[in-house]
Amino acid sequence: MDFNQNKPIYLQIADSICEKILSGEYLPDERILSVRELGVSLGVNPNTIARVYEHLQGMEIIYNKRGIGYFVASDAPARILQMQRTEFLENELPLVARKMKLLGVPVSELEKMLS
């Protein structure tokens, strides 16, 4: 995994896990890699992975079965979609809309591109 220096590594790993859940690579109620396994596979300190898992648990994307491991929450795909949709609508789309206005790009041109 190539890391971007503009965003904390733990958030990049959390985003990657969310993408795997949305793509169906990780299914609801399926066990995911342990902290140690994921740390080794990514070449990242296990403490960083523990922080990732803590973050994802706080968002109710994964849950821990003590002594067994971490699992994808049954409603994780829907929860991730809603969070990412909100993030896009509140943070990314306004930037695009502002840039379109500055450049004089009509909404109709965007609609053509999307159809």
C-alpha atoms as a PDB file:
ATOM      1  CA  MET A   1       0.000   0.000   0.000  1.00  0.00           C
ATOM      2  CA  ASP A   2       1.367   3.417  -0.953  1.00  0.00           C
ATOM      3  CA  PHE A   3       0.752   6.018   1.707  1.00  0.00           C
ATOM      4  CA  ASN A   4      -0.095   9.674   1.114  1.00  0.00           C
ATOM      5  CA  GLN A   5       1.769  12.087   3.364  1.00  0.00           C
ATOM      6  CA  ASN A   6      -1.212  14.463   3.523  1.00  0.00           C
ATOM      7  CA  LYS A   7      -3.364  12.096   5.583  1.00  0.00           C
ATOM      8  CA  PRO A   8      -2.537  10.023   8.679  1.00  0.00           C
ATOM      9  CA  ILE A   9      -1.578   6.432   7.849  1.00  0.00           C
ATOM     10  CA  TYR A  10      -4.172   4.955  10.198  1.00  0.00           C
ATOM     11  CA  LEU A  11      -6.955   6.818   8.365  1.00  0.00           C
ATOM     12  CA  GLN A  12      -5.631   5.655   4.998  1.00  0.00           C
ATOM     13  CA  ILE A  13      -5.667   2.055   6.209  1.00  0.00           C
ATOM     14  CA  ALA A  14      -9.170   2.517   7.638  1.00  0.00           C
ATOM     15  CA  ASP A  15     -10.310   3.885   4.250  1.00  0.00           C
ATOM     16  CA  SER A  16      -8.751   0.880   2.531  1.00  0.00           C
ATOM     17  CA  ILE A  17     -10.631  -1.515   4.806  1.00  0.00           C
ATOM     18  CA  CYS A  18     -13.867   0.375   4.142  1.00  0.00           C
ATOM     19  CA  GLU A  19     -13.252   0.080   0.394  1.00  0.00           C
ATOM     20  CA  LYS A  20     -12.743  -3.670   0.780  1.00  0.00           C
ATOM     21  CA  ILE A  21     -16.038  -3.905   2.652  1.00  0.00           C
ATOM     22  CA  LEU A  22     -17.862  -1.920  -0.029  1.00  0.00           C
ATOM     23  CA  SER A  23     -16.308  -3.980  -2.833  1.00  0.00           C
ATOM     24  CA  GLY A  24     -17.387  -7.219  -1.152  1.00  0.00           C
ATOM     25  CA  GLU A  25     -13.854  -8.393  -0.450  1.00  0.00           C
ATOM     26  CA  TYR A  26     -14.757  -8.349   3.257  1.00  0.00           C
ATOM     27  CA  LEU A  27     -18.307  -9.539   3.882  1.00  0.00           C
ATOM     28  CA  PRO A  28     -20.586  -8.683   6.824  1.00  0.00           C
ATOM     29  CA  ASP A  29     -19.901 -10.834   9.898  1.00  0.00           C
ATOM     30  CA  GLU A  30     -16.692 -12.123   8.297  1.00  0.00           C
ATOM     31  CA  ARG A  31     -13.463 -12.193  10.296  1.00  0.00           C
ATOM     32  CA  ILE A  32     -10.781  -9.784   9.109  1.00  0.00           C
ATOM     33  CA  LEU A  33      -7.029 -10.009   9.596  1.00  0.00           C
ATOM     34  CA  SER A  34      -5.715  -9.715  13.126  1.00  0.00           C
ATOM     35  CA  VAL A  35      -3.805  -6.618  14.197  1.00  0.00           C
ATOM     36  CA  ARG A  36      -0.534  -8.480  13.833  1.00  0.00           C
ATOM     37  CA  GLU A  37      -1.434 -10.101  10.476  1.00  0.00           C
ATOM     38  CA  LEU A  38      -2.469  -6.809   8.912  1.00  0.00           C
ATOM     39  CA  GLY A  39       0.549  -5.005  10.348  1.00  0.00           C
ATOM     40  CA  VAL A  40       2.910  -7.565   8.835  1.00  0.00           C
ATOM     41  CA  SER A  41       1.139  -7.576   5.453  1.00  0.00           C
ATOM     42  CA  LEU A  42       1.308  -3.771   5.209  1.00  0.00           C
ATOM     43  CA  GLY A  43       4.701  -3.365   6.867  1.00  0.00           C
ATOM     44  CA  VAL A  44       3.143  -1.139   9.526  1.00  0.00           C
ATOM     45  CA  ASN A  45       3.591  -1.108  13.295  1.00  0.00           C
ATOM     46  CA  PRO A  46       0.870  -3.174  15.046  1.00  0.00           C
ATOM     47  CA  ASN A  47       0.106  -0.142  17.239  1.00  0.00           C
ATOM     48  CA  THR A  48      -0.978   1.707  14.103  1.00  0.00           C
ATOM     49  CA  ILE A  49      -3.277  -1.165  13.145  1.00  0.00           C
ATOM     50  CA  ALA A  50      -4.680  -1.240  16.684  1.00  0.00           C
ATOM     51  CA  ARG A  51      -5.508   2.453  16.220  1.00  0.00           C
ATOM     52  CA  VAL A  52      -7.179   1.662  12.874  1.00  0.00           C
ATOM     53  CA  TYR A  53      -9.330  -1.029  14.449  1.00  0.00           C
ATOM     54  CA  GLU A  54     -10.198   1.218  17.396  1.00  0.00           C
ATOM     55  CA  HIS A  55     -11.257   3.922  14.935  1.00  0.00           C
ATOM     56  CA  LEU A  56     -13.387   1.489  12.900  1.00  0.00           C
ATOM     57  CA  GLN A  57     -14.966   0.081  16.062  1.00  0.00           C
ATOM     58  CA  GLY A  58     -15.870   3.602  17.147  1.00  0.00           C
ATOM     59  CA  MET A  59     -17.665   4.061  13.823  1.00  0.00           C
ATOM     60  CA  GLU A  60     -19.341   0.647  14.292  1.00  0.00           C
ATOM     61  CA  ILE A  61     -17.808  -0.692  11.063  1.00  0.00           C
ATOM     62  CA  ILE A  62     -16.142  -3.633  12.800  1.00  0.00           C
ATOM     63  CA  TYR A  63     -16.563  -5.348  16.138  1.00  0.00           C
ATOM     64  CA  ASN A  64     -14.346  -7.490  18.334  1.00  0.00           C
ATOM     65  CA  LYS A  65     -15.164 -10.981  19.553  1.00  0.00           C
ATOM     66  CA  ARG A  66     -12.788 -11.276  22.442  1.00  0.00           C
ATOM     67  CA  GLY A  67     -10.263 -14.041  21.891  1.00  0.00           C
ATOM     68  CA  ILE A  68     -11.500 -14.705  18.353  1.00  0.00           C
ATOM     69  CA  GLY A  69     -10.766 -11.545  16.384  1.00  0.00           C
ATOM     70  CA  TYR A  70     -12.306  -8.644  14.557  1.00  0.00           C
ATOM     71  CA  PHE A  71     -15.357  -8.966  12.333  1.00  0.00           C
ATOM     72  CA  VAL A  72     -17.167  -6.765   9.836  1.00  0.00           C
ATOM     73  CA  ALA A  73     -20.403  -5.410  11.302  1.00  0.00           C
ATOM     74  CA  SER A  74     -23.540  -6.690   9.583  1.00  0.00           C
ATOM     75  CA  ASP A  75     -24.619  -3.179   8.585  1.00  0.00           C
ATOM     76  CA  ALA A  76     -21.104  -1.960   7.742  1.00  0.00           C
ATOM     77  CA  PRO A  77     -21.659  -1.515   3.969  1.00  0.00           C
ATOM     78  CA  ALA A  78     -24.738   0.663   4.481  1.00  0.00           C
ATOM     79  CA  ARG A  79     -23.032   2.606   7.281  1.00  0.00           C
ATOM     80  CA  ILE A  80     -19.926   3.240   5.146  1.00  0.00           C
ATOM     81  CA  LEU A  81     -22.015   4.323   2.159  1.00  0.00           C
ATOM     82  CA  GLN A  82     -23.934   6.796   4.289  1.00  0.00           C
ATOM     83  CA  MET A  83     -20.781   8.229   5.889  1.00  0.00           C
ATOM     84  CA  GLN A  84     -18.965   8.556   2.562  1.00  0.00           C
ATOM     85  CA  ARG A  85     -22.017  10.074   0.895  1.00  0.00           C
ATOM     86  CA  THR A  86     -22.306  12.664   3.668  1.00  0.00           C
ATOM     87  CA  GLU A  87     -18.567  13.390   3.446  1.00  0.00           C
ATOM     88  CA  PHE A  88     -18.843  13.889  -0.327  1.00  0.00           C
ATOM     89  CA  LEU A  89     -21.924  16.090  -0.164  1.00  0.00           C
ATOM     90  CA  GLU A  90     -20.636  18.256   2.673  1.00  0.00           C
ATOM     91  CA  ASN A  91     -16.930  18.531   1.841  1.00  0.00           C
ATOM     92  CA  GLU A  92     -16.071  17.547  -1.721  1.00  0.00           C
ATOM     93  CA  LEU A  93     -19.080  18.574  -3.812  1.00  0.00           C
ATOM     94  CA  PRO A  94     -19.053  22.212  -2.623  1.00  0.00           C
ATOM     95  CA  LEU A  95     -15.430  22.470  -3.839  1.00  0.00           C
ATOM     96  CA  VAL A  96     -16.398  21.067  -7.243  1.00  0.00           C
ATOM     97  CA  ALA A  97     -19.423  23.368  -7.467  1.00  0.00           C
ATOM     98  CA  ARG A  98     -17.294  26.402  -6.570  1.00  0.00           C
ATOM     99  CA  LYS A  99     -14.687  25.446  -9.202  1.00  0.00           C
ATOM    100  CA  MET A 100     -17.413  24.905 -11.826  1.00  0.00           C
ATOM    101  CA  LYS A 101     -18.809  28.361 -11.079  1.00  0.00           C
ATOM    102  CA  LEU A 102     -15.347  29.961 -11.294  1.00  0.00           C
ATOM    103  CA  LEU A 103     -14.669  28.289 -14.639  1.00  0.00           C
ATOM    104  CA  GLY A 104     -18.136  28.916 -16.015  1.00  0.00           C
ATOM    105  CA  VAL A 105     -18.881  25.217 -16.453  1.00  0.00           C
ATOM    106  CA  PRO A 106     -22.652  24.772 -16.709  1.00  0.00           C
ATOM    107  CA  VAL A 107     -24.361  21.957 -14.820  1.00  0.00           C
ATOM    108  CA  SER A 108     -25.658  20.678 -18.167  1.00  0.00           C
ATOM    109  CA  GLU A 109     -22.063  19.922 -19.222  1.00  0.00           C
ATOM    110  CA  LEU A 110     -21.553  17.885 -16.078  1.00  0.00           C
ATOM    111  CA  GLU A 111     -24.822  16.051 -16.690  1.00  0.00           C
ATOM    112  CA  LYS A 112     -23.627  15.121 -20.223  1.00  0.00           C
ATOM    113  CA  MET A 113     -20.415  13.696 -18.778  1.00  0.00           C
ATOM    114  CA  LEU A 114     -22.309  11.601 -16.260  1.00  0.00           C
ATOM    115  CA  SER A 115     -24.799  10.086 -18.708  1.00  0.00           C
END
